[in-house]
N, C-alpha and C. Protein backbone atom coordinates (compact mmCIF):
# COMPACT_ATOMS: atom_id res chain seq x y z
N UNK A 1 -8.33 -0.49 4.16
CA UNK A 1 -8.78 -1.80 4.04
C UNK A 1 -7.78 -2.80 4.75
N UNK A 2 -8.28 -3.50 5.85
CA UNK A 2 -7.28 -4.36 6.51
C UNK A 2 -6.94 -5.56 5.73
N UNK A 3 -5.75 -5.91 5.55
CA UNK A 3 -5.30 -7.13 4.89
C UNK A 3 -4.13 -7.80 5.66
N UNK A 4 -3.95 -9.03 5.35
CA UNK A 4 -2.89 -9.81 5.93
C UNK A 4 -2.25 -10.65 4.81
N UNK A 5 -0.99 -10.80 4.78
CA UNK A 5 -0.35 -11.60 3.77
C UNK A 5 -0.12 -13.02 4.40
N UNK A 6 -0.64 -14.03 3.66
CA UNK A 6 -0.58 -15.40 4.10
C UNK A 6 -0.17 -16.22 2.89
N UNK A 7 1.04 -16.93 3.07
CA UNK A 7 1.54 -17.76 1.93
C UNK A 7 1.66 -17.05 0.62
N UNK A 8 2.07 -15.72 0.73
CA UNK A 8 2.32 -15.00 -0.47
C UNK A 8 1.08 -14.38 -1.12
N UNK A 9 -0.15 -14.39 -0.47
CA UNK A 9 -1.36 -13.94 -0.94
C UNK A 9 -1.95 -12.92 0.06
N UNK A 10 -2.38 -11.70 -0.49
CA UNK A 10 -3.12 -10.73 0.38
C UNK A 10 -4.55 -11.14 0.58
N UNK A 11 -4.95 -11.27 1.88
CA UNK A 11 -6.32 -11.57 2.28
C UNK A 11 -6.98 -10.46 3.02
N UNK A 12 -8.12 -10.10 2.55
CA UNK A 12 -8.96 -8.98 3.16
C UNK A 12 -9.67 -9.63 4.49
N UNK A 13 -9.77 -8.84 5.53
CA UNK A 13 -10.45 -9.25 6.75
C UNK A 13 -11.02 -8.06 7.42
N UNK A 14 -12.03 -8.34 8.25
CA UNK A 14 -12.53 -7.28 9.15
C UNK A 14 -12.65 -7.95 10.59
N UNK A 15 -12.47 -7.15 11.66
CA UNK A 15 -12.69 -7.59 12.98
C UNK A 15 -13.58 -6.60 13.70
N UNK A 16 -14.58 -7.10 14.37
CA UNK A 16 -15.59 -6.31 15.04
C UNK A 16 -15.70 -6.74 16.45
N UNK A 17 -15.93 -5.85 17.40
CA UNK A 17 -16.25 -6.13 18.75
C UNK A 17 -15.00 -6.52 19.59
N UNK A 18 -15.23 -7.08 20.79
CA UNK A 18 -14.14 -7.51 21.68
C UNK A 18 -14.48 -8.73 22.41
N UNK A 19 -13.53 -9.34 22.96
CA UNK A 19 -13.75 -10.59 23.73
C UNK A 19 -13.05 -11.77 23.07
N UNK A 20 -13.64 -12.96 23.33
CA UNK A 20 -13.03 -14.12 22.79
C UNK A 20 -13.17 -14.17 21.23
N UNK A 21 -12.30 -14.56 20.43
CA UNK A 21 -12.40 -14.54 18.97
C UNK A 21 -13.43 -15.53 18.47
N UNK A 22 -14.20 -15.06 17.48
CA UNK A 22 -15.17 -15.90 16.71
C UNK A 22 -14.88 -15.66 15.27
N UNK A 23 -14.38 -16.72 14.62
CA UNK A 23 -13.98 -16.64 13.16
C UNK A 23 -15.15 -17.16 12.35
N UNK A 24 -15.71 -16.36 11.49
CA UNK A 24 -16.80 -16.71 10.59
C UNK A 24 -16.22 -17.08 9.21
N UNK A 25 -16.39 -18.29 8.73
CA UNK A 25 -15.85 -18.68 7.42
C UNK A 25 -17.04 -18.93 6.44
N UNK A 26 -16.98 -18.15 5.40
CA UNK A 26 -18.00 -18.28 4.42
C UNK A 26 -17.80 -19.52 3.49
N UNK A 27 -18.87 -19.95 2.90
CA UNK A 27 -18.79 -21.13 1.98
C UNK A 27 -18.19 -20.79 0.66
N UNK A 28 -18.10 -21.78 -0.15
CA UNK A 28 -17.47 -21.61 -1.54
C UNK A 28 -18.17 -20.54 -2.31
N UNK A 29 -17.30 -19.62 -2.86
CA UNK A 29 -17.91 -18.71 -3.78
C UNK A 29 -18.51 -17.43 -3.19
N UNK A 30 -18.56 -17.25 -1.87
CA UNK A 30 -19.03 -16.06 -1.23
C UNK A 30 -18.02 -15.51 -0.27
N UNK A 31 -18.08 -14.22 -0.07
CA UNK A 31 -17.07 -13.56 0.84
C UNK A 31 -17.64 -13.21 2.09
N UNK A 32 -16.94 -12.27 2.79
CA UNK A 32 -17.27 -11.80 4.13
C UNK A 32 -18.69 -11.14 4.19
N UNK A 33 -19.13 -10.60 3.10
CA UNK A 33 -20.40 -9.87 3.02
C UNK A 33 -21.61 -10.81 3.41
N UNK A 34 -21.46 -12.14 3.32
CA UNK A 34 -22.50 -13.09 3.65
C UNK A 34 -22.90 -12.92 5.10
N UNK A 35 -21.98 -12.51 5.96
CA UNK A 35 -22.25 -12.40 7.36
C UNK A 35 -22.76 -11.05 7.87
N UNK A 36 -23.15 -10.09 6.96
CA UNK A 36 -23.46 -8.79 7.44
C UNK A 36 -24.59 -8.65 8.46
N UNK A 37 -25.58 -9.56 8.42
CA UNK A 37 -26.63 -9.52 9.33
C UNK A 37 -26.26 -10.12 10.70
N UNK A 38 -25.34 -11.07 10.73
CA UNK A 38 -24.92 -11.79 11.94
C UNK A 38 -23.87 -10.93 12.75
N UNK A 39 -23.01 -10.30 12.09
CA UNK A 39 -21.75 -9.57 12.69
C UNK A 39 -22.35 -8.65 13.85
N UNK A 40 -23.32 -7.83 13.70
CA UNK A 40 -23.68 -6.91 14.81
C UNK A 40 -24.11 -7.69 16.07
N UNK A 41 -24.78 -8.75 15.91
CA UNK A 41 -25.17 -9.54 17.13
C UNK A 41 -24.02 -10.25 17.74
N UNK A 42 -23.19 -10.93 16.91
CA UNK A 42 -22.01 -11.64 17.45
C UNK A 42 -21.04 -10.66 18.07
N UNK A 43 -20.82 -9.49 17.49
CA UNK A 43 -19.74 -8.59 17.99
C UNK A 43 -20.12 -7.96 19.26
N UNK A 44 -21.34 -8.10 19.73
CA UNK A 44 -21.69 -7.67 21.11
C UNK A 44 -21.02 -8.53 22.19
N UNK A 45 -20.69 -9.74 21.81
CA UNK A 45 -20.17 -10.76 22.82
C UNK A 45 -18.77 -11.24 22.50
N UNK A 46 -18.37 -11.13 21.22
CA UNK A 46 -17.12 -11.74 20.77
C UNK A 46 -16.36 -10.75 19.86
N UNK A 47 -15.07 -10.98 19.70
CA UNK A 47 -14.28 -10.28 18.69
C UNK A 47 -14.53 -11.10 17.42
N UNK A 48 -15.43 -10.61 16.55
CA UNK A 48 -15.95 -11.27 15.38
C UNK A 48 -15.17 -10.99 14.25
N UNK A 49 -14.56 -12.04 13.55
CA UNK A 49 -13.58 -11.82 12.43
C UNK A 49 -14.19 -12.49 11.27
N UNK A 50 -14.35 -11.77 10.13
CA UNK A 50 -14.81 -12.22 8.83
C UNK A 50 -13.70 -11.91 7.85
N UNK A 51 -13.63 -12.73 6.74
CA UNK A 51 -12.57 -12.50 5.76
C UNK A 51 -13.08 -13.02 4.36
N UNK A 52 -12.43 -12.41 3.35
CA UNK A 52 -12.73 -12.94 2.00
C UNK A 52 -11.65 -14.09 1.69
N UNK A 53 -12.18 -15.18 1.29
CA UNK A 53 -11.26 -16.29 0.94
C UNK A 53 -10.55 -15.91 -0.26
N UNK A 54 -9.39 -16.69 -0.46
CA UNK A 54 -8.55 -16.43 -1.65
C UNK A 54 -9.33 -16.40 -2.97
N UNK A 55 -9.12 -15.34 -3.76
CA UNK A 55 -9.80 -15.17 -4.98
C UNK A 55 -11.20 -14.70 -4.95
N UNK A 56 -11.71 -14.33 -3.71
CA UNK A 56 -13.07 -13.87 -3.54
C UNK A 56 -13.05 -12.48 -3.06
N UNK A 57 -13.99 -11.60 -3.45
CA UNK A 57 -14.01 -10.22 -2.99
C UNK A 57 -12.78 -9.39 -3.06
N UNK A 58 -12.36 -8.94 -1.92
CA UNK A 58 -11.10 -8.02 -1.90
C UNK A 58 -9.86 -8.78 -1.72
N UNK A 59 -9.91 -10.14 -1.61
CA UNK A 59 -8.63 -10.93 -1.50
C UNK A 59 -8.09 -11.31 -2.87
N UNK A 60 -6.80 -11.45 -2.90
CA UNK A 60 -6.05 -11.86 -4.08
C UNK A 60 -6.32 -13.33 -4.40
N UNK A 61 -6.19 -13.65 -5.57
CA UNK A 61 -6.20 -15.04 -6.04
C UNK A 61 -4.82 -15.65 -5.89
N UNK A 62 -3.73 -14.85 -6.17
CA UNK A 62 -2.43 -15.29 -6.13
C UNK A 62 -2.02 -16.06 -7.39
N UNK A 63 -0.78 -16.39 -7.51
CA UNK A 63 -0.27 -17.05 -8.71
C UNK A 63 -0.03 -18.50 -8.50
N UNK A 64 0.02 -19.03 -7.29
CA UNK A 64 0.24 -20.46 -7.05
C UNK A 64 -1.17 -21.21 -7.09
N UNK A 65 -1.11 -22.44 -7.49
CA UNK A 65 -2.36 -23.20 -7.52
C UNK A 65 -2.97 -23.39 -6.16
N UNK A 66 -4.32 -23.46 -6.13
CA UNK A 66 -4.98 -23.73 -4.96
C UNK A 66 -5.22 -25.17 -4.82
N UNK A 67 -4.81 -25.78 -3.77
CA UNK A 67 -4.86 -27.17 -3.61
C UNK A 67 -5.75 -27.56 -2.38
């Protein structure tokens, strides 16, 4: 499972395809799974990156307050 540590919190992400980067950011309370129908189409033309926001899905909430 690909993760990256940002500000002391582990975040889950996926990258699909190649080309210019396209970052898909889900709304409040949903994770990367919300993009499952769009990723195949976008990844034919872009390096499509999706992630689970802090405290959602496979990403940690962490111990510091979210502001």
